[in-house]
Amino acid sequence: MVRIRLKKVGAKKKPFYRIIVADQRASQKGSFIEQIGTYDPKPEKPLVNIDENKFIEWIKKGAQPSDSVKQITGSMGLMDKINAS
């Protein structure tokens, strides 16, 4: 199954994540299909950059977002856009 999840690329105590599309069986630091955004939780207001079109396209293809990605995109209102269409 294909999942949309976070891939940690930051240093110790300085987390930074890429939002990627990957096979569920691949390791966290392993290969991925496509990078669709980034997530920086450190600032007071976390920074999220995501390509909304690619995210919606992968959801329509059957990719399942992880719980953390659901929470991040839900706060942005992307999950509402998907449920509405």
PDB file of N, CA and C in Angstrom:
ATOM      1  N   MET A   1       0.847  -1.171   0.000  1.00  0.00           N
ATOM      2  CA  MET A   1       0.000   0.000   0.000  1.00  0.00           C
ATOM      3  C   MET A   1       0.896   1.240   0.000  1.00  0.00           C
ATOM      4  N   VAL A   2       0.461   2.272  -0.659  1.00  0.00           N
ATOM      5  CA  VAL A   2       1.197   3.532  -0.737  1.00  0.00           C
ATOM      6  C   VAL A   2       0.701   4.452   0.369  1.00  0.00           C
ATOM      7  N   ARG A   3       1.657   5.083   1.078  1.00  0.00           N
ATOM      8  CA  ARG A   3       1.326   5.971   2.185  1.00  0.00           C
ATOM      9  C   ARG A   3       1.937   7.350   1.952  1.00  0.00           C
ATOM     10  N   ILE A   4       1.266   8.359   2.458  1.00  0.00           N
ATOM     11  CA  ILE A   4       1.816   9.710   2.495  1.00  0.00           C
ATOM     12  C   ILE A   4       2.249   9.908   3.936  1.00  0.00           C
ATOM     13  N   ARG A   5       3.548  10.135   4.144  1.00  0.00           N
ATOM     14  CA  ARG A   5       4.064  10.192   5.509  1.00  0.00           C
ATOM     15  C   ARG A   5       5.226  11.171   5.608  1.00  0.00           C
ATOM     16  N   LEU A   6       5.744  11.310   6.834  1.00  0.00           N
ATOM     17  CA  LEU A   6       6.858  12.207   7.090  1.00  0.00           C
ATOM     18  C   LEU A   6       8.172  11.451   7.039  1.00  0.00           C
ATOM     19  N   LYS A   7       9.196  12.117   6.519  1.00  0.00           N
ATOM     20  CA  LYS A   7      10.551  11.571   6.504  1.00  0.00           C
ATOM     21  C   LYS A   7      11.435  12.581   7.210  1.00  0.00           C
ATOM     22  N   LYS A   8      12.054  12.170   8.324  1.00  0.00           N
ATOM     23  CA  LYS A   8      12.884  13.085   9.098  1.00  0.00           C
ATOM     24  C   LYS A   8      14.221  13.294   8.405  1.00  0.00           C
ATOM     25  N   VAL A   9      14.591  14.553   8.214  1.00  0.00           N
ATOM     26  CA  VAL A   9      15.878  14.880   7.595  1.00  0.00           C
ATOM     27  C   VAL A   9      16.663  15.871   8.448  1.00  0.00           C
ATOM     28  N   GLY A  10      16.124  16.310   9.561  1.00  0.00           N
ATOM     29  CA  GLY A  10      16.796  17.278  10.412  1.00  0.00           C
ATOM     30  C   GLY A  10      17.834  16.631  11.311  1.00  0.00           C
ATOM     31  N   ALA A  11      18.635  17.465  11.940  1.00  0.00           N
ATOM     32  CA  ALA A  11      19.656  16.992  12.870  1.00  0.00           C
ATOM     33  C   ALA A  11      19.033  16.692  14.236  1.00  0.00           C
ATOM     34  N   LYS A  12      19.868  16.170  15.122  1.00  0.00           N
ATOM     35  CA  LYS A  12      19.399  15.857  16.470  1.00  0.00           C
ATOM     36  C   LYS A  12      18.931  17.145  17.156  1.00  0.00           C
ATOM     37  N   LYS A  13      17.764  17.112  17.742  1.00  0.00           N
ATOM     38  CA  LYS A  13      17.121  18.232  18.438  1.00  0.00           C
ATOM     39  C   LYS A  13      16.769  19.402  17.514  1.00  0.00           C
ATOM     40  N   LYS A  14      16.847  19.201  16.212  1.00  0.00           N
ATOM     41  CA  LYS A  14      16.424  20.206  15.229  1.00  0.00           C
ATOM     42  C   LYS A  14      15.603  19.499  14.160  1.00  0.00           C
ATOM     43  N   PRO A  15      14.396  19.068  14.506  1.00  0.00           N
ATOM     44  CA  PRO A  15      13.625  18.282  13.548  1.00  0.00           C
ATOM     45  C   PRO A  15      13.186  19.086  12.329  1.00  0.00           C
ATOM     46  N   PHE A  16      13.212  18.436  11.203  1.00  0.00           N
ATOM     47  CA  PHE A  16      12.701  18.971   9.946  1.00  0.00           C
ATOM     48  C   PHE A  16      12.248  17.763   9.144  1.00  0.00           C
ATOM     49  N   TYR A  17      11.089  17.841   8.533  1.00  0.00           N
ATOM     50  CA  TYR A  17      10.517  16.686   7.861  1.00  0.00           C
ATOM     51  C   TYR A  17      10.169  17.000   6.416  1.00  0.00           C
ATOM     52  N   ARG A  18      10.268  15.993   5.578  1.00  0.00           N
ATOM     53  CA  ARG A  18       9.744  16.067   4.220  1.00  0.00           C
ATOM     54  C   ARG A  18       8.457  15.256   4.199  1.00  0.00           C
ATOM     55  N   ILE A  19       7.464  15.741   3.484  1.00  0.00           N
ATOM     56  CA  ILE A  19       6.221  14.985   3.301  1.00  0.00           C
ATOM     57  C   ILE A  19       6.401  14.218   2.006  1.00  0.00           C
ATOM     58  N   ILE A  20       6.391  12.891   2.105  1.00  0.00           N
ATOM     59  CA  ILE A  20       6.702  12.053   0.956  1.00  0.00           C
ATOM     60  C   ILE A  20       5.600  11.042   0.694  1.00  0.00           C
ATOM     61  N   VAL A  21       5.621  10.500  -0.513  1.00  0.00           N
ATOM     62  CA  VAL A  21       4.761   9.385  -0.895  1.00  0.00           C
ATOM     63  C   VAL A  21       5.691   8.185  -1.004  1.00  0.00           C
ATOM     64  N   ALA A  22       5.403   7.122  -0.253  1.00  0.00           N
ATOM     65  CA  ALA A  22       6.294   5.965  -0.222  1.00  0.00           C
ATOM     66  C   ALA A  22       5.500   4.690  -0.026  1.00  0.00           C
ATOM     67  N   ASP A  23       6.125   3.585  -0.372  1.00  0.00           N
ATOM     68  CA  ASP A  23       5.534   2.282  -0.104  1.00  0.00           C
ATOM     69  C   ASP A  23       5.536   2.079   1.412  1.00  0.00           C
ATOM     70  N   GLN A  24       4.501   1.484   1.923  1.00  0.00           N
ATOM     71  CA  GLN A  24       4.350   1.283   3.358  1.00  0.00           C
ATOM     72  C   GLN A  24       5.498   0.463   3.940  1.00  0.00           C
ATOM     73  N   ARG A  25       6.059  -0.444   3.155  1.00  0.00           N
ATOM     74  CA  ARG A  25       7.100  -1.339   3.656  1.00  0.00           C
ATOM     75  C   ARG A  25       8.487  -0.705   3.669  1.00  0.00           C
ATOM     76  N   ALA A  26       8.666   0.441   3.032  1.00  0.00           N
ATOM     77  CA  ALA A  26       9.965   1.114   2.998  1.00  0.00           C
ATOM     78  C   ALA A  26      10.271   1.716   4.368  1.00  0.00           C
ATOM     79  N   SER A  27      11.558   1.743   4.738  1.00  0.00           N
ATOM     80  CA  SER A  27      11.943   2.295   6.029  1.00  0.00           C
ATOM     81  C   SER A  27      11.785   3.812   6.011  1.00  0.00           C
ATOM     82  N   GLN A  28      11.835   4.413   7.204  1.00  0.00           N
ATOM     83  CA  GLN A  28      11.648   5.856   7.315  1.00  0.00           C
ATOM     84  C   GLN A  28      12.720   6.611   6.541  1.00  0.00           C
ATOM     85  N   LYS A  29      13.925   6.121   6.552  1.00  0.00           N
ATOM     86  CA  LYS A  29      15.024   6.779   5.837  1.00  0.00           C
ATOM     87  C   LYS A  29      15.243   6.159   4.459  1.00  0.00           C
ATOM     88  N   GLY A  30      14.379   5.257   4.051  1.00  0.00           N
ATOM     89  CA  GLY A  30      14.555   4.538   2.796  1.00  0.00           C
ATOM     90  C   GLY A  30      14.043   5.288   1.584  1.00  0.00           C
ATOM     91  N   SER A  31      13.844   4.541   0.524  1.00  0.00           N
ATOM     92  CA  SER A  31      13.425   5.137  -0.743  1.00  0.00           C
ATOM     93  C   SER A  31      11.976   5.623  -0.679  1.00  0.00           C
ATOM     94  N   PHE A  32      11.657   6.536  -1.585  1.00  0.00           N
ATOM     95  CA  PHE A  32      10.300   7.061  -1.671  1.00  0.00           C
ATOM     96  C   PHE A  32       9.961   7.320  -3.120  1.00  0.00           C
ATOM     97  N   ILE A  33       8.682   7.473  -3.410  1.00  0.00           N
ATOM     98  CA  ILE A  33       8.207   7.677  -4.771  1.00  0.00           C
ATOM     99  C   ILE A  33       8.316   9.148  -5.166  1.00  0.00           C
ATOM    100  N   GLU A  34       7.819  10.037  -4.296  1.00  0.00           N
ATOM    101  CA  GLU A  34       7.801  11.458  -4.632  1.00  0.00           C
ATOM    102  C   GLU A  34       7.755  12.289  -3.361  1.00  0.00           C
ATOM    103  N   GLN A  35       8.424  13.435  -3.387  1.00  0.00           N
ATOM    104  CA  GLN A  35       8.343  14.392  -2.293  1.00  0.00           C
ATOM    105  C   GLN A  35       7.295  15.430  -2.662  1.00  0.00           C
ATOM    106  N   ILE A  36       6.325  15.657  -1.764  1.00  0.00           N
ATOM    107  CA  ILE A  36       5.263  16.599  -2.094  1.00  0.00           C
ATOM    108  C   ILE A  36       5.226  17.811  -1.164  1.00  0.00           C
ATOM    109  N   GLY A  37       6.125  17.866  -0.174  1.00  0.00           N
ATOM    110  CA  GLY A  37       6.134  19.031   0.698  1.00  0.00           C
ATOM    111  C   GLY A  37       7.145  18.915   1.823  1.00  0.00           C
ATOM    112  N   THR A  38       7.126  19.941   2.704  1.00  0.00           N
ATOM    113  CA  THR A  38       8.005  19.969   3.868  1.00  0.00           C
ATOM    114  C   THR A  38       7.217  20.411   5.091  1.00  0.00           C
ATOM    115  N   TYR A  39       7.766  20.078   6.278  1.00  0.00           N
ATOM    116  CA  TYR A  39       7.132  20.441   7.547  1.00  0.00           C
ATOM    117  C   TYR A  39       8.225  20.784   8.541  1.00  0.00           C
ATOM    118  N   ASP A  40       8.172  21.995   9.086  1.00  0.00           N
ATOM    119  CA  ASP A  40       9.136  22.450  10.091  1.00  0.00           C
ATOM    120  C   ASP A  40       8.374  22.753  11.375  1.00  0.00           C
ATOM    121  N   PRO A  41       8.469  21.879  12.394  1.00  0.00           N
ATOM    122  CA  PRO A  41       7.687  22.069  13.619  1.00  0.00           C
ATOM    123  C   PRO A  41       8.311  23.035  14.623  1.00  0.00           C
ATOM    124  N   LYS A  42       9.525  23.516  14.397  1.00  0.00           N
ATOM    125  CA  LYS A  42      10.241  24.303  15.399  1.00  0.00           C
ATOM    126  C   LYS A  42       9.707  25.715  15.631  1.00  0.00           C
ATOM    127  N   PRO A  43       9.369  26.502  14.617  1.00  0.00           N
ATOM    128  CA  PRO A  43       8.898  27.872  14.903  1.00  0.00           C
ATOM    129  C   PRO A  43       7.626  27.864  15.754  1.00  0.00           C
ATOM    130  N   GLU A  44       7.285  29.029  16.313  1.00  0.00           N
ATOM    131  CA  GLU A  44       6.068  29.114  17.128  1.00  0.00           C
ATOM    132  C   GLU A  44       4.852  28.647  16.340  1.00  0.00           C
ATOM    133  N   LYS A  45       4.778  29.086  15.101  1.00  0.00           N
ATOM    134  CA  LYS A  45       3.725  28.589  14.211  1.00  0.00           C
ATOM    135  C   LYS A  45       4.423  27.668  13.204  1.00  0.00           C
ATOM    136  N   PRO A  46       4.218  26.363  13.305  1.00  0.00           N
ATOM    137  CA  PRO A  46       4.920  25.429  12.409  1.00  0.00           C
ATOM    138  C   PRO A  46       4.717  25.778  10.933  1.00  0.00           C
ATOM    139  N   LEU A  47       5.786  25.632  10.162  1.00  0.00           N
ATOM    140  CA  LEU A  47       5.745  25.941   8.735  1.00  0.00           C
ATOM    141  C   LEU A  47       5.448  24.681   7.940  1.00  0.00           C
ATOM    142  N   VAL A  48       4.422  24.742   7.108  1.00  0.00           N
ATOM    143  CA  VAL A  48       4.047  23.625   6.246  1.00  0.00           C
ATOM    144  C   VAL A  48       3.985  24.123   4.813  1.00  0.00           C
ATOM    145  N   ASN A  49       4.778  23.497   3.956  1.00  0.00           N
ATOM    146  CA  ASN A  49       4.735  23.780   2.522  1.00  0.00           C
ATOM    147  C   ASN A  49       4.364  22.476   1.842  1.00  0.00           C
ATOM    148  N   ILE A  50       3.221  22.455   1.185  1.00  0.00           N
ATOM    149  CA  ILE A  50       2.782  21.224   0.527  1.00  0.00           C
ATOM    150  C   ILE A  50       2.155  21.573  -0.815  1.00  0.00           C
ATOM    151  N   ASP A  51       2.433  20.756  -1.800  1.00  0.00           N
ATOM    152  CA  ASP A  51       1.834  20.920  -3.119  1.00  0.00           C
ATOM    153  C   ASP A  51       0.437  20.296  -3.045  1.00  0.00           C
ATOM    154  N   GLU A  52      -0.571  21.152  -2.926  1.00  0.00           N
ATOM    155  CA  GLU A  52      -1.940  20.678  -2.715  1.00  0.00           C
ATOM    156  C   GLU A  52      -2.429  19.810  -3.866  1.00  0.00           C
ATOM    157  N   ASN A  53      -2.077  20.176  -5.102  1.00  0.00           N
ATOM    158  CA  ASN A  53      -2.537  19.394  -6.250  1.00  0.00           C
ATOM    159  C   ASN A  53      -1.978  17.977  -6.222  1.00  0.00           C
ATOM    160  N   LYS A  54      -0.689  17.853  -5.912  1.00  0.00           N
ATOM    161  CA  LYS A  54      -0.083  16.524  -5.843  1.00  0.00           C
ATOM    162  C   LYS A  54      -0.671  15.713  -4.696  1.00  0.00           C
ATOM    163  N   PHE A  55      -0.910  16.372  -3.545  1.00  0.00           N
ATOM    164  CA  PHE A  55      -1.494  15.684  -2.400  1.00  0.00           C
ATOM    165  C   PHE A  55      -2.868  15.119  -2.759  1.00  0.00           C
ATOM    166  N   ILE A  56      -3.713  15.942  -3.352  1.00  0.00           N
ATOM    167  CA  ILE A  56      -5.064  15.506  -3.724  1.00  0.00           C
ATOM    168  C   ILE A  56      -4.996  14.418  -4.789  1.00  0.00           C
ATOM    169  N   GLU A  57      -4.069  14.557  -5.745  1.00  0.00           N
ATOM    170  CA  GLU A  57      -3.902  13.554  -6.796  1.00  0.00           C
ATOM    171  C   GLU A  57      -3.526  12.193  -6.209  1.00  0.00           C
ATOM    172  N   TRP A  58      -2.602  12.175  -5.249  1.00  0.00           N
ATOM    173  CA  TRP A  58      -2.194  10.901  -4.635  1.00  0.00           C
ATOM    174  C   TRP A  58      -3.316  10.292  -3.796  1.00  0.00           C
ATOM    175  N   ILE A  59      -4.094  11.120  -3.123  1.00  0.00           N
ATOM    176  CA  ILE A  59      -5.237  10.617  -2.346  1.00  0.00           C
ATOM    177  C   ILE A  59      -6.249   9.965  -3.292  1.00  0.00           C
ATOM    178  N   LYS A  60      -6.501  10.598  -4.430  1.00  0.00           N
ATOM    179  CA  LYS A  60      -7.443  10.033  -5.399  1.00  0.00           C
ATOM    180  C   LYS A  60      -6.931   8.729  -5.990  1.00  0.00           C
ATOM    181  N   LYS A  61      -5.596   8.582  -6.079  1.00  0.00           N
ATOM    182  CA  LYS A  61      -5.010   7.336  -6.581  1.00  0.00           C
ATOM    183  C   LYS A  61      -5.058   6.217  -5.545  1.00  0.00           C
ATOM    184  N   GLY A  62      -5.402   6.558  -4.298  1.00  0.00           N
ATOM    185  CA  GLY A  62      -5.540   5.532  -3.268  1.00  0.00           C
ATOM    186  C   GLY A  62      -4.489   5.556  -2.178  1.00  0.00           C
ATOM    187  N   ALA A  63      -3.604   6.549  -2.179  1.00  0.00           N
ATOM    188  CA  ALA A  63      -2.588   6.647  -1.126  1.00  0.00           C
ATOM    189  C   ALA A  63      -3.268   7.011   0.195  1.00  0.00           C
ATOM    190  N   GLN A  64      -2.787   6.413   1.275  1.00  0.00           N
ATOM    191  CA  GLN A  64      -3.348   6.657   2.598  1.00  0.00           C
ATOM    192  C   GLN A  64      -2.414   7.561   3.393  1.00  0.00           C
ATOM    193  N   PRO A  65      -2.890   8.698   3.915  1.00  0.00           N
ATOM    194  CA  PRO A  65      -2.018   9.550   4.732  1.00  0.00           C
ATOM    195  C   PRO A  65      -1.818   8.937   6.120  1.00  0.00           C
ATOM    196  N   SER A  66      -0.623   9.120   6.676  1.00  0.00           N
ATOM    197  CA  SER A  66      -0.359   8.657   8.034  1.00  0.00           C
ATOM    198  C   SER A  66      -1.125   9.550   9.005  1.00  0.00           C
ATOM    199  N   ASP A  67      -1.184   9.151  10.265  1.00  0.00           N
ATOM    200  CA  ASP A  67      -1.916   9.932  11.261  1.00  0.00           C
ATOM    201  C   ASP A  67      -1.340  11.340  11.409  1.00  0.00           C
ATOM    202  N   SER A  68      -0.020  11.447  11.413  1.00  0.00           N
ATOM    203  CA  SER A  68       0.607  12.767  11.564  1.00  0.00           C
ATOM    204  C   SER A  68       0.325  13.651  10.349  1.00  0.00           C
ATOM    205  N   VAL A  69       0.360  13.084   9.152  1.00  0.00           N
ATOM    206  CA  VAL A  69       0.070  13.872   7.947  1.00  0.00           C
ATOM    207  C   VAL A  69      -1.405  14.265   7.929  1.00  0.00           C
ATOM    208  N   LYS A  70      -2.294  13.386   8.380  1.00  0.00           N
ATOM    209  CA  LYS A  70      -3.719  13.730   8.476  1.00  0.00           C
ATOM    210  C   LYS A  70      -3.926  14.926   9.383  1.00  0.00           C
ATOM    211  N   GLN A  71      -3.224  14.932  10.511  1.00  0.00           N
ATOM    212  CA  GLN A  71      -3.356  16.028  11.462  1.00  0.00           C
ATOM    213  C   GLN A  71      -2.824  17.334  10.872  1.00  0.00           C
ATOM    214  N   ILE A  72      -1.679  17.272  10.214  1.00  0.00           N
ATOM    215  CA  ILE A  72      -1.078  18.476   9.617  1.00  0.00           C
ATOM    216  C   ILE A  72      -1.969  19.026   8.508  1.00  0.00           C
ATOM    217  N   THR A  73      -2.407  18.174   7.596  1.00  0.00           N
ATOM    218  CA  THR A  73      -3.228  18.640   6.476  1.00  0.00           C
ATOM    219  C   THR A  73      -4.635  19.009   6.932  1.00  0.00           C
ATOM    220  N   GLY A  74      -5.106  18.376   7.991  1.00  0.00           N
ATOM    221  CA  GLY A  74      -6.415  18.722   8.525  1.00  0.00           C
ATOM    222  C   GLY A  74      -6.439  20.142   9.068  1.00  0.00           C
ATOM    223  N   SER A  75      -5.335  20.551   9.705  1.00  0.00           N
ATOM    224  CA  SER A  75      -5.268  21.910  10.237  1.00  0.00           C
ATOM    225  C   SER A  75      -5.188  22.940   9.110  1.00  0.00           C
ATOM    226  N   MET A  76      -4.710  22.521   7.934  1.00  0.00           N
ATOM    227  CA  MET A  76      -4.640  23.413   6.769  1.00  0.00           C
ATOM    228  C   MET A  76      -5.952  23.447   5.996  1.00  0.00           C
ATOM    229  N   GLY A  77      -6.829  22.492   6.244  1.00  0.00           N
ATOM    230  CA  GLY A  77      -8.107  22.424   5.541  1.00  0.00           C
ATOM    231  C   GLY A  77      -8.063  21.569   4.282  1.00  0.00           C
ATOM    232  N   LEU A  78      -6.951  20.863   4.039  1.00  0.00           N
ATOM    233  CA  LEU A  78      -6.860  20.027   2.837  1.00  0.00           C
ATOM    234  C   LEU A  78      -7.790  18.814   2.912  1.00  0.00           C
ATOM    235  N   MET A  79      -7.920  18.236   4.065  1.00  0.00           N
ATOM    236  CA  MET A  79      -8.786  17.057   4.193  1.00  0.00           C
ATOM    237  C   MET A  79     -10.240  17.436   3.916  1.00  0.00           C
ATOM    238  N   ASP A  80     -10.632  18.671   4.284  1.00  0.00           N
ATOM    239  CA  ASP A  80     -11.992  19.130   4.003  1.00  0.00           C
ATOM    240  C   ASP A  80     -12.223  19.255   2.496  1.00  0.00           C
ATOM    241  N   LYS A  81     -11.198  19.740   1.755  1.00  0.00           N
ATOM    242  CA  LYS A  81     -11.310  19.858   0.308  1.00  0.00           C
ATOM    243  C   LYS A  81     -11.505  18.492  -0.338  1.00  0.00           C
ATOM    244  N   ILE A  82     -10.801  17.493   0.165  1.00  0.00           N
ATOM    245  CA  ILE A  82     -10.901  16.149  -0.391  1.00  0.00           C
ATOM    246  C   ILE A  82     -12.260  15.543  -0.095  1.00  0.00           C
ATOM    247  N   ASN A  83     -12.725  15.718   1.131  1.00  0.00           N
ATOM    248  CA  ASN A  83     -14.019  15.166   1.508  1.00  0.00           C
ATOM    249  C   ASN A  83     -15.171  15.850   0.778  1.00  0.00           C
ATOM    250  N   ALA A  84     -15.004  17.119   0.419  1.00  0.00           N
ATOM    251  CA  ALA A  84     -16.044  17.870  -0.282  1.00  0.00           C
ATOM    252  C   ALA A  84     -16.159  17.447  -1.739  1.00  0.00           C
ATOM    253  N   SER A  85     -15.034  17.020  -2.339  1.00  0.00           N
ATOM    254  CA  SER A  85     -15.098  16.659  -3.760  1.00  0.00           C
ATOM    255  C   SER A  85     -15.391  15.204  -3.981  1.00  0.00           C
TER     256      SER A  85
END
